[in-house]
Amino acid sequence: MTILCKRSDLIANSGVCALHNNEQVAIFYLPDTEQKVFAVSNWDPIGEANVISRGIVGSVEDRLVVASPLYKQHFCLITGECLEQSAQLTVYPVALDGEHLVLAA
C-alpha cells in the first residue's frame, strides 16, 4: 500500500491532486456515497492538460462522474470512461485507512 495523502487533505464533494510515481492523480472525496473515495488520472486526454481534479462532480444517468473543466466531457469515476467521446482515464484503486488515503497496489 502507498499513502497518497491524509484524510484531512480531502475536500468533501470536490477533487484534489496527488503525485504518485511522477503521475498526477485526481482524488475525489464523496462522503455520501458507498465507496467514498475515487481516484483517476488527472490528465484530460481530450483537453490535453492536467485538470481533472478541478472538475465538477455529479451524476449522469446514475453514474458518478467528473466533468472536465476544459471542454465539459463527463468521465465515470468508477470506470474512467468518457460518456461523450472515445477516451479513457486511468482508474486507481484507493481506500481510506484510518487517517490516510492509500493506493492498493
C-alpha atoms as a PDB file:
ATOM      1  CA  MET A   1       0.000   0.000   0.000  1.00  0.00           C
ATOM      2  CA  THR A   2       1.096   3.517  -0.798  1.00  0.00           C
ATOM      3  CA  ILE A   3      -0.140   6.536   1.149  1.00  0.00           C
ATOM      4  CA  LEU A   4      -1.333   9.236  -1.259  1.00  0.00           C
ATOM      5  CA  CYS A   5      -2.496  11.828   1.266  1.00  0.00           C
ATOM      6  CA  LYS A   6      -4.138  12.383   4.634  1.00  0.00           C
ATOM      7  CA  ARG A   7      -7.895  12.356   5.102  1.00  0.00           C
ATOM      8  CA  SER A   8      -7.620  15.992   6.194  1.00  0.00           C
ATOM      9  CA  ASP A   9      -6.243  16.861   2.718  1.00  0.00           C
ATOM     10  CA  LEU A  10      -9.516  15.760   1.104  1.00  0.00           C
ATOM     11  CA  ILE A  11     -12.362  18.174   0.410  1.00  0.00           C
ATOM     12  CA  ALA A  12     -15.895  16.796   0.553  1.00  0.00           C
ATOM     13  CA  ASN A  13     -17.619  16.654  -2.844  1.00  0.00           C
ATOM     14  CA  SER A  14     -14.571  18.027  -4.607  1.00  0.00           C
ATOM     15  CA  GLY A  15     -11.220  16.997  -6.029  1.00  0.00           C
ATOM     16  CA  VAL A  16      -7.589  17.313  -5.041  1.00  0.00           C
ATOM     17  CA  CYS A  17      -4.429  16.251  -6.844  1.00  0.00           C
ATOM     18  CA  ALA A  18      -1.636  13.988  -5.581  1.00  0.00           C
ATOM     19  CA  LEU A  19       1.593  12.828  -7.172  1.00  0.00           C
ATOM     20  CA  HIS A  20       2.224   9.086  -7.473  1.00  0.00           C
ATOM     21  CA  ASN A  21       5.237   7.705  -9.382  1.00  0.00           C
ATOM     22  CA  ASN A  22       5.610  11.031 -11.238  1.00  0.00           C
ATOM     23  CA  GLU A  23       1.977  10.926 -12.394  1.00  0.00           C
ATOM     24  CA  GLN A  24      -0.767  13.240 -11.206  1.00  0.00           C
ATOM     25  CA  VAL A  25      -3.776  11.511  -9.647  1.00  0.00           C
ATOM     26  CA  ALA A  26      -7.132  13.269  -9.227  1.00  0.00           C
ATOM     27  CA  ILE A  27      -8.779  12.221  -5.957  1.00  0.00           C
ATOM     28  CA  PHE A  28     -12.449  12.810  -5.237  1.00  0.00           C
ATOM     29  CA  TYR A  29     -13.996  12.507  -1.765  1.00  0.00           C
ATOM     30  CA  LEU A  30     -17.731  11.861  -1.946  1.00  0.00           C
ATOM     31  CA  PRO A  31     -18.641  11.068   1.679  1.00  0.00           C
ATOM     32  CA  ASP A  32     -22.325  10.408   0.930  1.00  0.00           C
ATOM     33  CA  THR A  33     -21.545   7.505  -1.435  1.00  0.00           C
ATOM     34  CA  GLU A  34     -20.821   3.893  -0.541  1.00  0.00           C
ATOM     35  CA  GLN A  35     -17.257   3.956  -1.913  1.00  0.00           C
ATOM     36  CA  LYS A  36     -16.446   7.446  -0.502  1.00  0.00           C
ATOM     37  CA  VAL A  37     -13.154   7.966  -2.413  1.00  0.00           C
ATOM     38  CA  PHE A  38     -12.317   7.722  -6.093  1.00  0.00           C
ATOM     39  CA  ALA A  39      -9.042   8.262  -7.939  1.00  0.00           C
ATOM     40  CA  VAL A  40      -8.448   8.734 -11.650  1.00  0.00           C
ATOM     41  CA  SER A  41      -5.652  10.191 -13.736  1.00  0.00           C
ATOM     42  CA  ASN A  42      -5.527  13.977 -13.597  1.00  0.00           C
ATOM     43  CA  TRP A  43      -4.630  14.146 -17.317  1.00  0.00           C
ATOM     44  CA  ASP A  44      -7.568  15.139 -19.514  1.00  0.00           C
ATOM     45  CA  PRO A  45      -6.940  13.175 -22.735  1.00  0.00           C
ATOM     46  CA  ILE A  46      -9.234  15.457 -24.750  1.00  0.00           C
ATOM     47  CA  GLY A  47      -8.083  18.849 -23.458  1.00  0.00           C
ATOM     48  CA  GLU A  48      -4.513  17.550 -23.056  1.00  0.00           C
ATOM     49  CA  ALA A  49      -3.864  19.117 -19.651  1.00  0.00           C
ATOM     50  CA  ASN A  50      -3.665  18.030 -16.003  1.00  0.00           C
ATOM     51  CA  VAL A  51      -7.008  19.461 -14.852  1.00  0.00           C
ATOM     52  CA  ILE A  52      -9.427  16.644 -13.943  1.00  0.00           C
ATOM     53  CA  SER A  53      -9.073  17.280 -10.188  1.00  0.00           C
ATOM     54  CA  ARG A  54     -10.580  20.733 -10.790  1.00  0.00           C
ATOM     55  CA  GLY A  55     -13.690  19.280 -12.425  1.00  0.00           C
ATOM     56  CA  ILE A  56     -17.198  19.298 -11.025  1.00  0.00           C
ATOM     57  CA  VAL A  57     -18.532  16.001  -9.655  1.00  0.00           C
ATOM     58  CA  GLY A  58     -22.082  14.859 -10.208  1.00  0.00           C
ATOM     59  CA  SER A  59     -24.075  12.080 -11.803  1.00  0.00           C
ATOM     60  CA  VAL A  60     -25.293  11.309 -15.300  1.00  0.00           C
ATOM     61  CA  GLU A  61     -27.876   8.538 -15.621  1.00  0.00           C
ATOM     62  CA  ASP A  62     -26.998   7.185 -12.145  1.00  0.00           C
ATOM     63  CA  ARG A  63     -23.254   7.130 -12.917  1.00  0.00           C
ATOM     64  CA  LEU A  64     -20.897   9.141 -10.707  1.00  0.00           C
ATOM     65  CA  VAL A  65     -18.895  11.434 -12.967  1.00  0.00           C
ATOM     66  CA  VAL A  66     -16.480  14.316 -13.047  1.00  0.00           C
ATOM     67  CA  ALA A  67     -16.890  16.952 -15.761  1.00  0.00           C
ATOM     68  CA  SER A  68     -13.633  18.155 -17.245  1.00  0.00           C
ATOM     69  CA  PRO A  69     -13.202  21.878 -16.586  1.00  0.00           C
ATOM     70  CA  LEU A  70     -11.915  22.383 -20.147  1.00  0.00           C
ATOM     71  CA  TYR A  71     -14.498  21.022 -22.590  1.00  0.00           C
ATOM     72  CA  LYS A  72     -17.015  19.608 -20.078  1.00  0.00           C
ATOM     73  CA  GLN A  73     -16.842  15.936 -21.093  1.00  0.00           C
ATOM     74  CA  HIS A  74     -18.046  13.613 -18.338  1.00  0.00           C
ATOM     75  CA  PHE A  75     -15.771  10.840 -17.080  1.00  0.00           C
ATOM     76  CA  CYS A  76     -17.137   7.982 -14.965  1.00  0.00           C
ATOM     77  CA  LEU A  77     -15.359   7.892 -11.598  1.00  0.00           C
ATOM     78  CA  ILE A  78     -15.666   4.098 -11.395  1.00  0.00           C
ATOM     79  CA  THR A  79     -14.536   3.060 -14.887  1.00  0.00           C
ATOM     80  CA  GLY A  80     -12.733   6.180 -16.185  1.00  0.00           C
ATOM     81  CA  GLU A  81     -14.815   6.030 -19.374  1.00  0.00           C
ATOM     82  CA  CYS A  82     -15.751   9.280 -21.133  1.00  0.00           C
ATOM     83  CA  LEU A  83     -19.507   9.372 -21.728  1.00  0.00           C
ATOM     84  CA  GLU A  84     -19.407  11.653 -24.781  1.00  0.00           C
ATOM     85  CA  GLN A  85     -16.289  10.594 -26.699  1.00  0.00           C
ATOM     86  CA  SER A  86     -13.888   7.715 -27.107  1.00  0.00           C
ATOM     87  CA  ALA A  87     -11.484   8.499 -24.274  1.00  0.00           C
ATOM     88  CA  GLN A  88     -10.470   6.883 -21.004  1.00  0.00           C
ATOM     89  CA  LEU A  89      -8.937   7.921 -17.684  1.00  0.00           C
ATOM     90  CA  THR A  90      -6.799   5.535 -15.674  1.00  0.00           C
ATOM     91  CA  VAL A  91      -8.626   4.424 -12.516  1.00  0.00           C
ATOM     92  CA  TYR A  92      -6.627   3.884  -9.323  1.00  0.00           C
ATOM     93  CA  PRO A  93      -7.831   1.572  -6.525  1.00  0.00           C
ATOM     94  CA  VAL A  94      -7.936   3.697  -3.375  1.00  0.00           C
ATOM     95  CA  ALA A  95      -9.388   3.400   0.102  1.00  0.00           C
ATOM     96  CA  LEU A  96      -9.426   5.269   3.384  1.00  0.00           C
ATOM     97  CA  ASP A  97      -7.279   3.547   6.001  1.00  0.00           C
ATOM     98  CA  GLY A  98      -7.690   5.414   9.263  1.00  0.00           C
ATOM     99  CA  GLU A  99      -6.422   8.924   8.636  1.00  0.00           C
ATOM    100  CA  HIS A 100      -4.774   8.120   5.290  1.00  0.00           C
ATOM    101  CA  LEU A 101      -5.886   7.615   1.724  1.00  0.00           C
ATOM    102  CA  VAL A 102      -3.999   4.604   0.397  1.00  0.00           C
ATOM    103  CA  LEU A 103      -3.423   3.263  -3.070  1.00  0.00           C
ATOM    104  CA  ALA A 104      -3.824  -0.508  -3.174  1.00  0.00           C
ATOM    105  CA  ALA A 105      -1.041  -1.883  -5.369  1.00  0.00           C
END
